């Protein structure tokens, strides 16, 4: 980011959401996201200490390739994955931005 804060990039559009649900891998995927956020926490702490100011990460969630129908079927899994940051690491992320979302996703996401 322009202010020097770390940027996290999650390509959820590349995720086989149906496969994660079918194989009951949501918890494994959640643990992977937790590890990624813990790394981000350490990075933001180190930068904050060096710059003597609070530095928080920017999260970019890329939905390119995710079909609306697939999202509708597995919205709960996707929301669980993305909610970890806000729920358990609120001090880490300054913002989360959805990019390359198919038409209608914003309504589904907020609903």
C-alpha atoms as a PDB file:
ATOM      1  CA  UNK A   1       0.000   0.000   0.000  1.00  0.00           C
ATOM      2  CA  UNK A   2       1.066   3.585  -0.501  1.00  0.00           C
ATOM      3  CA  UNK A   3       1.443   4.119   3.248  1.00  0.00           C
ATOM      4  CA  UNK A   4       3.792   1.132   3.595  1.00  0.00           C
ATOM      5  CA  UNK A   5       1.272  -1.164   5.223  1.00  0.00           C
ATOM      6  CA  UNK A   6       1.312  -4.873   4.309  1.00  0.00           C
ATOM      7  CA  UNK A   7      -1.189  -6.069   1.717  1.00  0.00           C
ATOM      8  CA  UNK A   8      -2.851  -9.461   2.033  1.00  0.00           C
ATOM      9  CA  UNK A   9      -4.247 -11.017  -1.135  1.00  0.00           C
ATOM     10  CA  UNK A  10      -6.751 -13.845  -1.012  1.00  0.00           C
ATOM     11  CA  UNK A  11      -7.799 -15.345  -4.367  1.00  0.00           C
ATOM     12  CA  UNK A  12     -11.131 -16.808  -3.275  1.00  0.00           C
ATOM     13  CA  UNK A  13     -12.272 -16.971  -6.880  1.00  0.00           C
ATOM     14  CA  UNK A  14      -9.660 -19.696  -7.397  1.00  0.00           C
ATOM     15  CA  UNK A  15     -10.982 -21.689  -4.465  1.00  0.00           C
ATOM     16  CA  UNK A  16     -12.947 -24.869  -5.183  1.00  0.00           C
ATOM     17  CA  UNK A  17     -15.711 -23.906  -2.757  1.00  0.00           C
ATOM     18  CA  UNK A  18     -17.827 -26.951  -3.638  1.00  0.00           C
ATOM     19  CA  UNK A  19     -14.810 -29.231  -3.092  1.00  0.00           C
ATOM     20  CA  UNK A  20     -14.043 -27.649   0.276  1.00  0.00           C
ATOM     21  CA  UNK A  21     -17.627 -28.227   1.380  1.00  0.00           C
ATOM     22  CA  UNK A  22     -17.832 -31.738  -0.133  1.00  0.00           C
ATOM     23  CA  UNK A  23     -14.601 -32.916   1.535  1.00  0.00           C
ATOM     24  CA  UNK A  24     -15.407 -31.107   4.801  1.00  0.00           C
ATOM     25  CA  UNK A  25     -12.197 -29.063   4.601  1.00  0.00           C
ATOM     26  CA  UNK A  26     -13.596 -25.752   5.812  1.00  0.00           C
ATOM     27  CA  UNK A  27     -11.879 -26.056   9.198  1.00  0.00           C
ATOM     28  CA  UNK A  28      -8.510 -26.815   7.554  1.00  0.00           C
ATOM     29  CA  UNK A  29      -8.929 -23.833   5.289  1.00  0.00           C
ATOM     30  CA  UNK A  30      -9.860 -21.655   8.255  1.00  0.00           C
ATOM     31  CA  UNK A  31      -6.675 -22.705  10.065  1.00  0.00           C
ATOM     32  CA  UNK A  32      -4.677 -21.727   6.975  1.00  0.00           C
ATOM     33  CA  UNK A  33      -6.288 -18.304   7.024  1.00  0.00           C
ATOM     34  CA  UNK A  34      -5.538 -17.954  10.754  1.00  0.00           C
ATOM     35  CA  UNK A  35      -1.860 -18.736  10.103  1.00  0.00           C
ATOM     36  CA  UNK A  36      -1.801 -16.141   7.322  1.00  0.00           C
ATOM     37  CA  UNK A  37      -3.358 -13.532   9.617  1.00  0.00           C
ATOM     38  CA  UNK A  38      -0.897 -14.363  12.398  1.00  0.00           C
ATOM     39  CA  UNK A  39       1.941 -13.732   9.940  1.00  0.00           C
ATOM     40  CA  UNK A  40       0.284 -10.440   9.005  1.00  0.00           C
ATOM     41  CA  UNK A  41      -0.023  -9.523  12.684  1.00  0.00           C
ATOM     42  CA  UNK A  42       3.695 -10.056  13.202  1.00  0.00           C
ATOM     43  CA  UNK A  43       4.521  -8.056  10.067  1.00  0.00           C
ATOM     44  CA  UNK A  44       2.308  -5.142  11.067  1.00  0.00           C
ATOM     45  CA  UNK A  45       3.750  -5.162  14.610  1.00  0.00           C
ATOM     46  CA  UNK A  46       7.306  -5.052  13.269  1.00  0.00           C
ATOM     47  CA  UNK A  47       6.507  -2.205  10.878  1.00  0.00           C
ATOM     48  CA  UNK A  48       4.571  -0.344  13.575  1.00  0.00           C
ATOM     49  CA  UNK A  49       7.495  -0.632  15.972  1.00  0.00           C
ATOM     50  CA  UNK A  50       9.999   0.520  13.335  1.00  0.00           C
ATOM     51  CA  UNK A  51       7.877   3.455  12.179  1.00  0.00           C
ATOM     52  CA  UNK A  52       6.561   4.343  15.660  1.00  0.00           C
ATOM     53  CA  UNK A  53       2.991   4.416  14.419  1.00  0.00           C
ATOM     54  CA  UNK A  54       0.167   1.895  14.126  1.00  0.00           C
ATOM     55  CA  UNK A  55       0.346   0.061  10.812  1.00  0.00           C
ATOM     56  CA  UNK A  56      -2.517  -2.235   9.828  1.00  0.00           C
ATOM     57  CA  UNK A  57      -2.801  -4.546   6.835  1.00  0.00           C
ATOM     58  CA  UNK A  58      -4.997  -4.086   3.787  1.00  0.00           C
ATOM     59  CA  UNK A  59      -6.891  -7.199   2.730  1.00  0.00           C
ATOM     60  CA  UNK A  60      -7.813  -7.705  -0.922  1.00  0.00           C
ATOM     61  CA  UNK A  61     -10.230 -10.539  -1.682  1.00  0.00           C
ATOM     62  CA  UNK A  62     -10.242 -11.429  -5.374  1.00  0.00           C
ATOM     63  CA  UNK A  63     -13.428 -13.133  -6.540  1.00  0.00           C
ATOM     64  CA  UNK A  64     -12.407 -13.478 -10.205  1.00  0.00           C
ATOM     65  CA  UNK A  65     -13.710 -16.786 -11.525  1.00  0.00           C
ATOM     66  CA  UNK A  66     -16.244 -17.333  -8.754  1.00  0.00           C
ATOM     67  CA  UNK A  67     -19.652 -17.978 -10.256  1.00  0.00           C
ATOM     68  CA  UNK A  68     -22.656 -16.429  -8.522  1.00  0.00           C
ATOM     69  CA  UNK A  69     -24.438 -19.789  -8.423  1.00  0.00           C
ATOM     70  CA  UNK A  70     -21.462 -21.416  -6.685  1.00  0.00           C
ATOM     71  CA  UNK A  71     -21.328 -18.529  -4.228  1.00  0.00           C
ATOM     72  CA  UNK A  72     -25.041 -18.875  -3.494  1.00  0.00           C
ATOM     73  CA  UNK A  73     -24.625 -22.560  -2.716  1.00  0.00           C
ATOM     74  CA  UNK A  74     -21.591 -22.057  -0.480  1.00  0.00           C
ATOM     75  CA  UNK A  75     -21.977 -18.521   0.851  1.00  0.00           C
ATOM     76  CA  UNK A  76     -21.695 -19.741   4.445  1.00  0.00           C
ATOM     77  CA  UNK A  77     -18.282 -21.317   3.837  1.00  0.00           C
ATOM     78  CA  UNK A  78     -16.967 -18.222   2.052  1.00  0.00           C
ATOM     79  CA  UNK A  79     -18.270 -15.890   4.773  1.00  0.00           C
ATOM     80  CA  UNK A  80     -16.676 -18.043   7.501  1.00  0.00           C
ATOM     81  CA  UNK A  81     -13.333 -17.834   5.722  1.00  0.00           C
ATOM     82  CA  UNK A  82     -13.452 -14.069   5.329  1.00  0.00           C
ATOM     83  CA  UNK A  83     -14.936 -13.322   8.777  1.00  0.00           C
ATOM     84  CA  UNK A  84     -11.893 -14.650  10.633  1.00  0.00           C
ATOM     85  CA  UNK A  85      -9.983 -11.412  10.209  1.00  0.00           C
ATOM     86  CA  UNK A  86     -12.740  -9.204  11.528  1.00  0.00           C
ATOM     87  CA  UNK A  87     -13.673 -11.574  14.339  1.00  0.00           C
ATOM     88  CA  UNK A  88     -10.303 -12.741  15.671  1.00  0.00           C
ATOM     89  CA  UNK A  89      -7.785 -10.257  14.258  1.00  0.00           C
ATOM     90  CA  UNK A  90      -9.536  -6.863  14.237  1.00  0.00           C
ATOM     91  CA  UNK A  91      -6.271  -5.093  15.055  1.00  0.00           C
ATOM     92  CA  UNK A  92      -4.598  -6.532  11.949  1.00  0.00           C
ATOM     93  CA  UNK A  93      -6.771  -5.399   9.052  1.00  0.00           C
ATOM     94  CA  UNK A  94      -7.496  -1.767   8.300  1.00  0.00           C
ATOM     95  CA  UNK A  95      -9.733  -2.614   5.360  1.00  0.00           C
ATOM     96  CA  UNK A  96     -11.045  -5.484   3.278  1.00  0.00           C
ATOM     97  CA  UNK A  97     -11.814  -4.922  -0.376  1.00  0.00           C
ATOM     98  CA  UNK A  98     -13.633  -7.302  -2.719  1.00  0.00           C
ATOM     99  CA  UNK A  99     -12.402  -7.101  -6.307  1.00  0.00           C
ATOM    100  CA  UNK A 100     -13.460  -8.745  -9.566  1.00  0.00           C
ATOM    101  CA  UNK A 101     -16.804  -9.732  -8.085  1.00  0.00           C
ATOM    102  CA  UNK A 102     -19.480 -11.039 -10.457  1.00  0.00           C
ATOM    103  CA  UNK A 103     -22.661  -9.006 -10.830  1.00  0.00           C
ATOM    104  CA  UNK A 104     -24.967  -9.440  -7.858  1.00  0.00           C
ATOM    105  CA  UNK A 105     -22.296 -10.474  -5.360  1.00  0.00           C
ATOM    106  CA  UNK A 106     -22.432  -7.208  -3.437  1.00  0.00           C
ATOM    107  CA  UNK A 107     -26.138  -7.732  -2.711  1.00  0.00           C
ATOM    108  CA  UNK A 108     -25.537 -11.345  -1.630  1.00  0.00           C
ATOM    109  CA  UNK A 109     -22.569 -10.388   0.528  1.00  0.00           C
ATOM    110  CA  UNK A 110     -24.403  -7.687   2.453  1.00  0.00           C
ATOM    111  CA  UNK A 111     -27.632  -9.694   2.706  1.00  0.00           C
END
